[in-house]
Amino acid sequence: MKMIIQSLLPEDSISHFVHSFWMVENKSGKDIPGTILPNGMVDMTLMKMNSEEWEMSIRGLDTMPGQVIIAKDAKIFSVGFKLLAVEYLFGDSVKDVLNGGKEIPNDFWQFVEFDTESLENFQKKVTQKINSISIKPIDERKKKLFELIYSSHGTISVKELSEKVFWSSRQINRYFNQQFGISLKEYCKILRFGSSFKNLSEGKLYPELNFTDQNHFIKEIKKYSGVTPKELSKNTDERFMDILAIKKLPPQND
């Protein structure tokens, strides 16, 4: 047995904050190198290595592929958060962890051993925590902004977003840079790239998400993954974690 990967979608009650849950368990008996790709999510991770204490961390947005080592016997649970969660659940910016992460206190959401016995238990605990948090009213402009961004998979223009939510492009970009460390336009490109994972995992090597043409598609895939669409699709040695995880997700209605 090499590596166990599981993925789950969130309940509707928290879907405006959470994209997905996943678990990785390395039972290969050796360290496994992997590559994490920009996917437009902020990840909160709970990890145990060599039967030691659990460690919690939060990872900001990625704008480039990053290399990781999944240590032997490691068990990792993660929540892929949508961007609204940064302000309304964490109440803080993640611009300082762009392309990186930082540890957070282990008692952040009071996880106990039972919560890490399965991905379903982990999902249930996170869902309960989010639903129990007293969240301030969500700014309607921001709510609509992110609904449009996610429903379009990042293919909508900044100009159109600005006009639809009645919020100037300059103000939106200031918000994005202050909260997440990148511009709205760059985020939309990353989200579009992340939204192509499913097609690529199924061997579809042509653009379906408003890329100008095939060359533009190849250029964008190489920019954010470091390899061609064909190489990403093949996923030799299963090193691209996101491509593996997307295959484990249940069907989703967009």
C-alpha atoms as a PDB file:
ATOM      1  CA  MET A   1       0.000   0.000   0.000  1.00  0.00           C
ATOM      2  CA  LYS A   2       1.545   3.274  -1.087  1.00  0.00           C
ATOM      3  CA  MET A   3      -0.601   6.200  -0.063  1.00  0.00           C
ATOM      4  CA  ILE A   4      -4.224   6.626   0.953  1.00  0.00           C
ATOM      5  CA  ILE A   5      -6.011   9.754  -0.269  1.00  0.00           C
ATOM      6  CA  GLN A   6      -9.630  10.600   0.489  1.00  0.00           C
ATOM      7  CA  SER A   7     -11.708  13.704  -0.296  1.00  0.00           C
ATOM      8  CA  LEU A   8     -15.129  14.957   0.773  1.00  0.00           C
ATOM      9  CA  LEU A   9     -17.322  17.913  -0.148  1.00  0.00           C
ATOM     10  CA  PRO A  10     -18.830  20.182   2.536  1.00  0.00           C
ATOM     11  CA  GLU A  11     -22.427  20.302   3.681  1.00  0.00           C
ATOM     12  CA  ASP A  12     -24.489  23.116   2.158  1.00  0.00           C
ATOM     13  CA  SER A  13     -24.511  24.978   5.493  1.00  0.00           C
ATOM     14  CA  ILE A  14     -20.772  25.728   5.223  1.00  0.00           C
ATOM     15  CA  SER A  15     -20.231  25.607   1.436  1.00  0.00           C
ATOM     16  CA  HIS A  16     -19.732  29.396   1.255  1.00  0.00           C
ATOM     17  CA  PHE A  17     -16.655  28.934   3.472  1.00  0.00           C
ATOM     18  CA  VAL A  18     -15.356  25.467   2.549  1.00  0.00           C
ATOM     19  CA  HIS A  19     -14.396  23.987  -0.812  1.00  0.00           C
ATOM     20  CA  SER A  20     -13.449  20.474   0.306  1.00  0.00           C
ATOM     21  CA  PHE A  21     -11.899  18.202   2.928  1.00  0.00           C
ATOM     22  CA  TRP A  22      -9.140  15.721   2.323  1.00  0.00           C
ATOM     23  CA  MET A  23      -6.924  13.202   4.080  1.00  0.00           C
ATOM     24  CA  VAL A  24      -3.535  11.745   3.133  1.00  0.00           C
ATOM     25  CA  GLU A  25      -1.973   8.795   4.895  1.00  0.00           C
ATOM     26  CA  ASN A  26       1.475   7.512   3.901  1.00  0.00           C
ATOM     27  CA  LYS A  27       1.693   3.780   4.569  1.00  0.00           C
ATOM     28  CA  SER A  28       4.420   3.090   2.021  1.00  0.00           C
ATOM     29  CA  GLY A  29       7.179   2.743   4.599  1.00  0.00           C
ATOM     30  CA  LYS A  30       9.180   5.553   3.019  1.00  0.00           C
ATOM     31  CA  ASP A  31       9.067   9.307   2.504  1.00  0.00           C
ATOM     32  CA  ILE A  32       7.181  10.329  -0.637  1.00  0.00           C
ATOM     33  CA  PRO A  33       7.955  13.549  -2.542  1.00  0.00           C
ATOM     34  CA  GLY A  34       4.973  15.500  -3.811  1.00  0.00           C
ATOM     35  CA  THR A  35       4.026  18.736  -5.540  1.00  0.00           C
ATOM     36  CA  ILE A  36       1.248  21.024  -4.363  1.00  0.00           C
ATOM     37  CA  LEU A  37      -0.301  23.262  -6.984  1.00  0.00           C
ATOM     38  CA  PRO A  38      -1.972  26.679  -6.797  1.00  0.00           C
ATOM     39  CA  ASN A  39      -5.679  25.930  -6.384  1.00  0.00           C
ATOM     40  CA  GLY A  40      -7.205  29.129  -5.042  1.00  0.00           C
ATOM     41  CA  MET A  41      -7.761  27.763  -1.539  1.00  0.00           C
ATOM     42  CA  VAL A  42      -6.426  28.590   1.911  1.00  0.00           C
ATOM     43  CA  ASP A  43      -5.675  25.322   3.705  1.00  0.00           C
ATOM     44  CA  MET A  44      -5.875  24.495   7.391  1.00  0.00           C
ATOM     45  CA  THR A  45      -3.926  21.307   8.065  1.00  0.00           C
ATOM     46  CA  LEU A  46      -3.766  18.885  10.964  1.00  0.00           C
ATOM     47  CA  MET A  47      -0.752  16.578  10.675  1.00  0.00           C
ATOM     48  CA  LYS A  48       0.814  13.778  12.673  1.00  0.00           C
ATOM     49  CA  MET A  49       4.195  12.238  11.859  1.00  0.00           C
ATOM     50  CA  ASN A  50       5.792   9.203  13.452  1.00  0.00           C
ATOM     51  CA  SER A  51       2.975   8.897  16.004  1.00  0.00           C
ATOM     52  CA  GLU A  52       3.962  12.181  17.626  1.00  0.00           C
ATOM     53  CA  GLU A  53       1.665  15.035  18.600  1.00  0.00           C
ATOM     54  CA  TRP A  54      -0.646  16.577  16.040  1.00  0.00           C
ATOM     55  CA  GLU A  55       0.573  19.835  14.497  1.00  0.00           C
ATOM     56  CA  MET A  56      -1.754  22.462  13.050  1.00  0.00           C
ATOM     57  CA  SER A  57      -0.893  24.978  10.368  1.00  0.00           C
ATOM     58  CA  ILE A  58      -2.538  27.347   7.949  1.00  0.00           C
ATOM     59  CA  ARG A  59      -1.291  27.833   4.398  1.00  0.00           C
ATOM     60  CA  GLY A  60      -2.040  30.931   2.358  1.00  0.00           C
ATOM     61  CA  LEU A  61      -2.628  31.100  -1.367  1.00  0.00           C
ATOM     62  CA  ASP A  62      -0.060  29.572  -3.686  1.00  0.00           C
ATOM     63  CA  THR A  63       0.977  31.284  -6.898  1.00  0.00           C
ATOM     64  CA  MET A  64       3.542  28.653  -7.944  1.00  0.00           C
ATOM     65  CA  PRO A  65       4.060  24.904  -7.513  1.00  0.00           C
ATOM     66  CA  GLY A  66       5.630  23.902  -4.203  1.00  0.00           C
ATOM     67  CA  GLN A  67       7.589  20.780  -3.314  1.00  0.00           C
ATOM     68  CA  VAL A  68       6.693  18.807  -0.201  1.00  0.00           C
ATOM     69  CA  ILE A  69       7.741  15.561   1.435  1.00  0.00           C
ATOM     70  CA  ILE A  70       5.034  13.314   2.839  1.00  0.00           C
ATOM     71  CA  ALA A  71       6.955  11.572   5.621  1.00  0.00           C
ATOM     72  CA  LYS A  72       6.478   7.854   6.138  1.00  0.00           C
ATOM     73  CA  ASP A  73       3.645   7.079   8.556  1.00  0.00           C
ATOM     74  CA  ALA A  74       2.371  10.665   8.233  1.00  0.00           C
ATOM     75  CA  LYS A  75      -1.359  11.249   8.528  1.00  0.00           C
ATOM     76  CA  ILE A  76      -2.695  14.578   7.291  1.00  0.00           C
ATOM     77  CA  PHE A  77      -6.174  16.093   7.432  1.00  0.00           C
ATOM     78  CA  SER A  78      -6.905  19.337   5.638  1.00  0.00           C
ATOM     79  CA  VAL A  79      -9.723  21.779   4.983  1.00  0.00           C
ATOM     80  CA  GLY A  80      -9.597  23.746   1.744  1.00  0.00           C
ATOM     81  CA  PHE A  81     -11.195  27.075   2.621  1.00  0.00           C
ATOM     82  CA  LYS A  82     -12.725  29.547   0.223  1.00  0.00           C
ATOM     83  CA  LEU A  83     -11.544  33.125   0.653  1.00  0.00           C
ATOM     84  CA  LEU A  84     -14.536  34.413   2.630  1.00  0.00           C
ATOM     85  CA  ALA A  85     -13.358  32.195   5.484  1.00  0.00           C
ATOM     86  CA  VAL A  86     -10.207  34.256   5.940  1.00  0.00           C
ATOM     87  CA  GLU A  87     -12.069  37.325   7.151  1.00  0.00           C
ATOM     88  CA  TYR A  88     -15.181  35.770   8.650  1.00  0.00           C
ATOM     89  CA  LEU A  89     -13.772  32.667  10.365  1.00  0.00           C
ATOM     90  CA  PHE A  90     -10.174  33.613  11.073  1.00  0.00           C
ATOM     91  CA  GLY A  91     -10.576  37.377  11.255  1.00  0.00           C
ATOM     92  CA  ASP A  92      -7.076  37.930   9.936  1.00  0.00           C
ATOM     93  CA  SER A  93      -5.103  38.411   6.730  1.00  0.00           C
ATOM     94  CA  VAL A  94      -3.133  35.564   5.115  1.00  0.00           C
ATOM     95  CA  LYS A  95      -0.945  37.759   2.930  1.00  0.00           C
ATOM     96  CA  ASP A  96       2.027  36.960   5.189  1.00  0.00           C
ATOM     97  CA  VAL A  97       1.788  33.274   4.266  1.00  0.00           C
ATOM     98  CA  LEU A  98       1.575  33.666   0.487  1.00  0.00           C
ATOM     99  CA  ASN A  99       3.299  30.567  -0.974  1.00  0.00           C
ATOM    100  CA  GLY A 100       3.898  29.331   2.549  1.00  0.00           C
ATOM    101  CA  GLY A 101       2.360  28.493   5.875  1.00  0.00           C
ATOM    102  CA  LYS A 102       2.577  29.020   9.607  1.00  0.00           C
ATOM    103  CA  GLU A 103       1.792  26.954  12.668  1.00  0.00           C
ATOM    104  CA  ILE A 104      -1.317  27.726  14.683  1.00  0.00           C
ATOM    105  CA  PRO A 105      -2.144  26.566  18.233  1.00  0.00           C
ATOM    106  CA  ASN A 106      -3.146  22.900  18.453  1.00  0.00           C
ATOM    107  CA  ASP A 107      -6.195  23.835  20.512  1.00  0.00           C
ATOM    108  CA  PHE A 108      -7.484  26.196  17.793  1.00  0.00           C
ATOM    109  CA  TRP A 109     -10.683  24.160  17.278  1.00  0.00           C
ATOM    110  CA  GLN A 110     -10.149  21.645  20.098  1.00  0.00           C
ATOM    111  CA  PHE A 111      -9.648  18.561  17.949  1.00  0.00           C
ATOM    112  CA  VAL A 112      -9.575  15.302  19.904  1.00  0.00           C
ATOM    113  CA  GLU A 113      -8.428  11.799  18.947  1.00  0.00           C
ATOM    114  CA  PHE A 114     -11.922  10.773  17.830  1.00  0.00           C
ATOM    115  CA  ASP A 115     -11.929  13.599  15.242  1.00  0.00           C
ATOM    116  CA  THR A 116      -8.872  12.085  13.537  1.00  0.00           C
ATOM    117  CA  GLU A 117     -10.061   8.493  13.356  1.00  0.00           C
ATOM    118  CA  SER A 118     -11.593   9.123   9.922  1.00  0.00           C
ATOM    119  CA  LEU A 119     -12.110  11.859   7.358  1.00  0.00           C
ATOM    120  CA  GLU A 120     -15.839  11.727   8.110  1.00  0.00           C
ATOM    121  CA  ASN A 121     -15.180  12.451  11.797  1.00  0.00           C
ATOM    122  CA  PHE A 122     -12.850  15.312  10.889  1.00  0.00           C
ATOM    123  CA  GLN A 123     -15.428  16.761   8.496  1.00  0.00           C
ATOM    124  CA  LYS A 124     -18.159  16.538  11.139  1.00  0.00           C
ATOM    125  CA  LYS A 125     -16.031  18.325  13.758  1.00  0.00           C
ATOM    126  CA  VAL A 126     -15.073  21.159  11.403  1.00  0.00           C
ATOM    127  CA  THR A 127     -18.687  21.544  10.268  1.00  0.00           C
ATOM    128  CA  GLN A 128     -19.908  21.743  13.873  1.00  0.00           C
ATOM    129  CA  LYS A 129     -17.237  24.307  14.740  1.00  0.00           C
ATOM    130  CA  ILE A 130     -18.022  26.559  11.804  1.00  0.00           C
ATOM    131  CA  ASN A 131     -21.763  26.393  12.476  1.00  0.00           C
ATOM    132  CA  SER A 132     -21.186  27.237  16.143  1.00  0.00           C
ATOM    133  CA  ILE A 133     -19.057  30.327  15.502  1.00  0.00           C
ATOM    134  CA  SER A 134     -20.850  33.630  15.938  1.00  0.00           C
ATOM    135  CA  ILE A 135     -20.095  35.166  12.565  1.00  0.00           C
ATOM    136  CA  LYS A 136     -20.649  38.837  11.887  1.00  0.00           C
ATOM    137  CA  PRO A 137     -23.007  39.608   8.989  1.00  0.00           C
ATOM    138  CA  ILE A 138     -21.262  39.023   5.662  1.00  0.00           C
ATOM    139  CA  ASP A 139     -20.843  42.110   3.510  1.00  0.00           C
ATOM    140  CA  GLU A 140     -23.297  41.610   0.635  1.00  0.00           C
ATOM    141  CA  ARG A 141     -20.810  42.962  -1.916  1.00  0.00           C
ATOM    142  CA  LYS A 142     -18.173  40.464  -0.835  1.00  0.00           C
ATOM    143  CA  LYS A 143     -20.694  37.625  -0.738  1.00  0.00           C
ATOM    144  CA  LYS A 144     -21.865  38.353  -4.279  1.00  0.00           C
ATOM    145  CA  LEU A 145     -18.288  38.954  -5.466  1.00  0.00           C
ATOM    146  CA  PHE A 146     -17.162  35.494  -4.389  1.00  0.00           C
ATOM    147  CA  GLU A 147     -20.335  33.814  -5.623  1.00  0.00           C
ATOM    148  CA  LEU A 148     -19.614  35.231  -9.086  1.00  0.00           C
ATOM    149  CA  ILE A 149     -15.921  34.327  -8.968  1.00  0.00           C
ATOM    150  CA  TYR A 150     -16.555  30.724  -7.940  1.00  0.00           C
ATOM    151  CA  SER A 151     -19.568  30.103 -10.179  1.00  0.00           C
ATOM    152  CA  SER A 152     -17.531  31.319 -13.181  1.00  0.00           C
ATOM    153  CA  HIS A 153     -14.445  29.325 -12.113  1.00  0.00           C
ATOM    154  CA  GLY A 154     -12.429  32.530 -12.322  1.00  0.00           C
ATOM    155  CA  THR A 155     -13.277  33.247 -15.959  1.00  0.00           C
ATOM    156  CA  ILE A 156     -15.214  36.475 -15.292  1.00  0.00           C
ATOM    157  CA  SER A 157     -13.341  39.752 -15.878  1.00  0.00           C
ATOM    158  CA  VAL A 158     -12.456  42.214 -13.119  1.00  0.00           C
ATOM    159  CA  LYS A 159     -14.441  44.894 -14.962  1.00  0.00           C
ATOM    160  CA  GLU A 160     -17.572  42.762 -15.065  1.00  0.00           C
ATOM    161  CA  LEU A 161     -17.206  41.814 -11.405  1.00  0.00           C
ATOM    162  CA  SER A 162     -16.838  45.450 -10.443  1.00  0.00           C
ATOM    163  CA  GLU A 163     -19.973  46.417 -12.355  1.00  0.00           C
ATOM    164  CA  LYS A 164     -22.060  43.562 -10.970  1.00  0.00           C
ATOM    165  CA  VAL A 165     -21.214  44.138  -7.303  1.00  0.00           C
ATOM    166  CA  PHE A 166     -21.049  47.950  -7.469  1.00  0.00           C
ATOM    167  CA  TRP A 167     -17.551  48.012  -6.031  1.00  0.00           C
ATOM    168  CA  SER A 168     -14.679  49.724  -7.825  1.00  0.00           C
ATOM    169  CA  SER A 169     -11.845  47.616  -9.248  1.00  0.00           C
ATOM    170  CA  ARG A 170      -9.382  49.658  -7.244  1.00  0.00           C
ATOM    171  CA  GLN A 171     -11.183  48.960  -3.960  1.00  0.00           C
ATOM    172  CA  ILE A 172     -11.541  45.252  -4.758  1.00  0.00           C
ATOM    173  CA  ASN A 173      -7.832  44.956  -5.539  1.00  0.00           C
ATOM    174  CA  ARG A 174      -6.937  46.781  -2.337  1.00  0.00           C
ATOM    175  CA  TYR A 175      -9.079  44.306  -0.407  1.00  0.00           C
ATOM    176  CA  PHE A 176      -7.464  41.324  -2.174  1.00  0.00           C
ATOM    177  CA  ASN A 177      -3.920  42.574  -1.654  1.00  0.00           C
ATOM    178  CA  GLN A 178      -4.516  43.367   2.007  1.00  0.00           C
ATOM    179  CA  GLN A 179      -6.302  40.118   2.816  1.00  0.00           C
ATOM    180  CA  PHE A 180      -4.670  37.579   0.509  1.00  0.00           C
ATOM    181  CA  GLY A 181      -1.479  39.138  -0.882  1.00  0.00           C
ATOM    182  CA  ILE A 182      -2.434  39.082  -4.575  1.00  0.00           C
ATOM    183  CA  SER A 183      -4.633  40.995  -7.002  1.00  0.00           C
ATOM    184  CA  LEU A 184      -8.121  39.887  -8.009  1.00  0.00           C
ATOM    185  CA  LYS A 185      -6.983  39.274 -11.589  1.00  0.00           C
ATOM    186  CA  GLU A 186      -4.176  36.977 -10.444  1.00  0.00           C
ATOM    187  CA  TYR A 187      -6.562  35.119  -8.137  1.00  0.00           C
ATOM    188  CA  CYS A 188      -9.019  34.538 -10.968  1.00  0.00           C
ATOM    189  CA  LYS A 189      -6.223  33.076 -13.110  1.00  0.00           C
ATOM    190  CA  ILE A 190      -5.238  30.720 -10.274  1.00  0.00           C
ATOM    191  CA  LEU A 191      -8.836  29.672  -9.700  1.00  0.00           C
ATOM    192  CA  ARG A 192      -9.287  28.967 -13.414  1.00  0.00           C
ATOM    193  CA  PHE A 193      -6.106  26.879 -13.326  1.00  0.00           C
ATOM    194  CA  GLY A 194      -7.379  24.960 -10.280  1.00  0.00           C
ATOM    195  CA  SER A 195     -10.730  24.421 -11.964  1.00  0.00           C
ATOM    196  CA  SER A 196      -8.957  22.653 -14.842  1.00  0.00           C
ATOM    197  CA  PHE A 197      -7.692  19.842 -12.548  1.00  0.00           C
ATOM    198  CA  LYS A 198     -10.793  17.691 -13.003  1.00  0.00           C
ATOM    199  CA  ASN A 199     -10.578  17.750 -16.798  1.00  0.00           C
ATOM    200  CA  LEU A 200      -6.840  17.134 -16.727  1.00  0.00           C
ATOM    201  CA  SER A 201      -7.293  14.219 -14.305  1.00  0.00           C
ATOM    202  CA  GLU A 202      -9.652  12.705 -16.899  1.00  0.00           C
ATOM    203  CA  GLY A 203      -7.133  13.142 -19.705  1.00  0.00           C
ATOM    204  CA  LYS A 204      -8.829  16.141 -21.338  1.00  0.00           C
ATOM    205  CA  LEU A 205      -5.952  18.217 -22.705  1.00  0.00           C
ATOM    206  CA  TYR A 206      -7.879  21.036 -24.315  1.00  0.00           C
ATOM    207  CA  PRO A 207      -9.188  24.272 -22.780  1.00  0.00           C
ATOM    208  CA  GLU A 208     -12.782  24.501 -21.569  1.00  0.00           C
ATOM    209  CA  LEU A 209     -12.580  27.515 -19.254  1.00  0.00           C
ATOM    210  CA  ASN A 210     -12.340  30.637 -21.421  1.00  0.00           C
ATOM    211  CA  PHE A 211      -8.667  30.339 -22.353  1.00  0.00           C
ATOM    212  CA  THR A 212      -7.928  32.294 -25.545  1.00  0.00           C
ATOM    213  CA  ASP A 213      -6.670  29.212 -27.405  1.00  0.00           C
ATOM    214  CA  GLN A 214      -4.673  26.005 -26.948  1.00  0.00           C
ATOM    215  CA  ASN A 215      -1.353  27.864 -26.707  1.00  0.00           C
ATOM    216  CA  HIS A 216      -2.738  30.151 -23.992  1.00  0.00           C
ATOM    217  CA  PHE A 217      -4.001  27.086 -22.125  1.00  0.00           C
ATOM    218  CA  ILE A 218      -0.603  25.355 -22.294  1.00  0.00           C
ATOM    219  CA  LYS A 219       1.194  28.544 -21.225  1.00  0.00           C
ATOM    220  CA  GLU A 220      -1.058  29.035 -18.168  1.00  0.00           C
ATOM    221  CA  ILE A 221      -0.797  25.387 -17.121  1.00  0.00           C
ATOM    222  CA  LYS A 222       3.006  25.530 -17.358  1.00  0.00           C
ATOM    223  CA  LYS A 223       3.106  28.827 -15.448  1.00  0.00           C
ATOM    224  CA  TYR A 224       1.308  27.433 -12.417  1.00  0.00           C
ATOM    225  CA  SER A 225       2.396  23.785 -12.496  1.00  0.00           C
ATOM    226  CA  GLY A 226       5.836  23.875 -14.111  1.00  0.00           C
ATOM    227  CA  VAL A 227       4.834  21.166 -16.624  1.00  0.00           C
ATOM    228  CA  THR A 228       2.707  20.771 -19.746  1.00  0.00           C
ATOM    229  CA  PRO A 229      -0.976  19.740 -19.557  1.00  0.00           C
ATOM    230  CA  LYS A 230       0.006  16.287 -20.849  1.00  0.00           C
ATOM    231  CA  GLU A 231       2.595  15.788 -18.098  1.00  0.00           C
ATOM    232  CA  LEU A 232       0.164  17.055 -15.464  1.00  0.00           C
ATOM    233  CA  SER A 233      -2.525  14.700 -16.735  1.00  0.00           C
ATOM    234  CA  LYS A 234      -0.205  11.682 -16.690  1.00  0.00           C
ATOM    235  CA  ASN A 235       0.879  12.547 -13.126  1.00  0.00           C
ATOM    236  CA  THR A 236       3.825  10.165 -13.238  1.00  0.00           C
ATOM    237  CA  ASP A 237       4.707   8.790  -9.783  1.00  0.00           C
ATOM    238  CA  GLU A 238       1.493  10.425  -8.532  1.00  0.00           C
ATOM    239  CA  ARG A 239       3.448  13.464  -7.377  1.00  0.00           C
ATOM    240  CA  PHE A 240       0.767  16.096  -8.031  1.00  0.00           C
ATOM    241  CA  MET A 241      -1.330  15.875  -4.878  1.00  0.00           C
ATOM    242  CA  ASP A 242      -4.199  17.997  -6.193  1.00  0.00           C
ATOM    243  CA  ILE A 243      -4.716  15.796  -9.254  1.00  0.00           C
ATOM    244  CA  LEU A 244      -4.868  12.735  -7.009  1.00  0.00           C
ATOM    245  CA  ALA A 245      -7.287  14.372  -4.565  1.00  0.00           C
ATOM    246  CA  ILE A 246      -9.697  15.646  -7.237  1.00  0.00           C
ATOM    247  CA  LYS A 247     -10.263  12.086  -8.456  1.00  0.00           C
ATOM    248  CA  LYS A 248     -11.499  11.142  -5.002  1.00  0.00           C
ATOM    249  CA  LEU A 249     -14.195  13.822  -4.815  1.00  0.00           C
ATOM    250  CA  PRO A 250     -17.805  12.753  -5.310  1.00  0.00           C
ATOM    251  CA  PRO A 251     -19.721  14.268  -8.262  1.00  0.00           C
ATOM    252  CA  GLN A 252     -20.543  17.929  -7.790  1.00  0.00           C
ATOM    253  CA  ASN A 253     -23.281  20.038  -9.311  1.00  0.00           C
ATOM    254  CA  ASP A 254     -21.798  23.346 -10.494  1.00  0.00           C
END
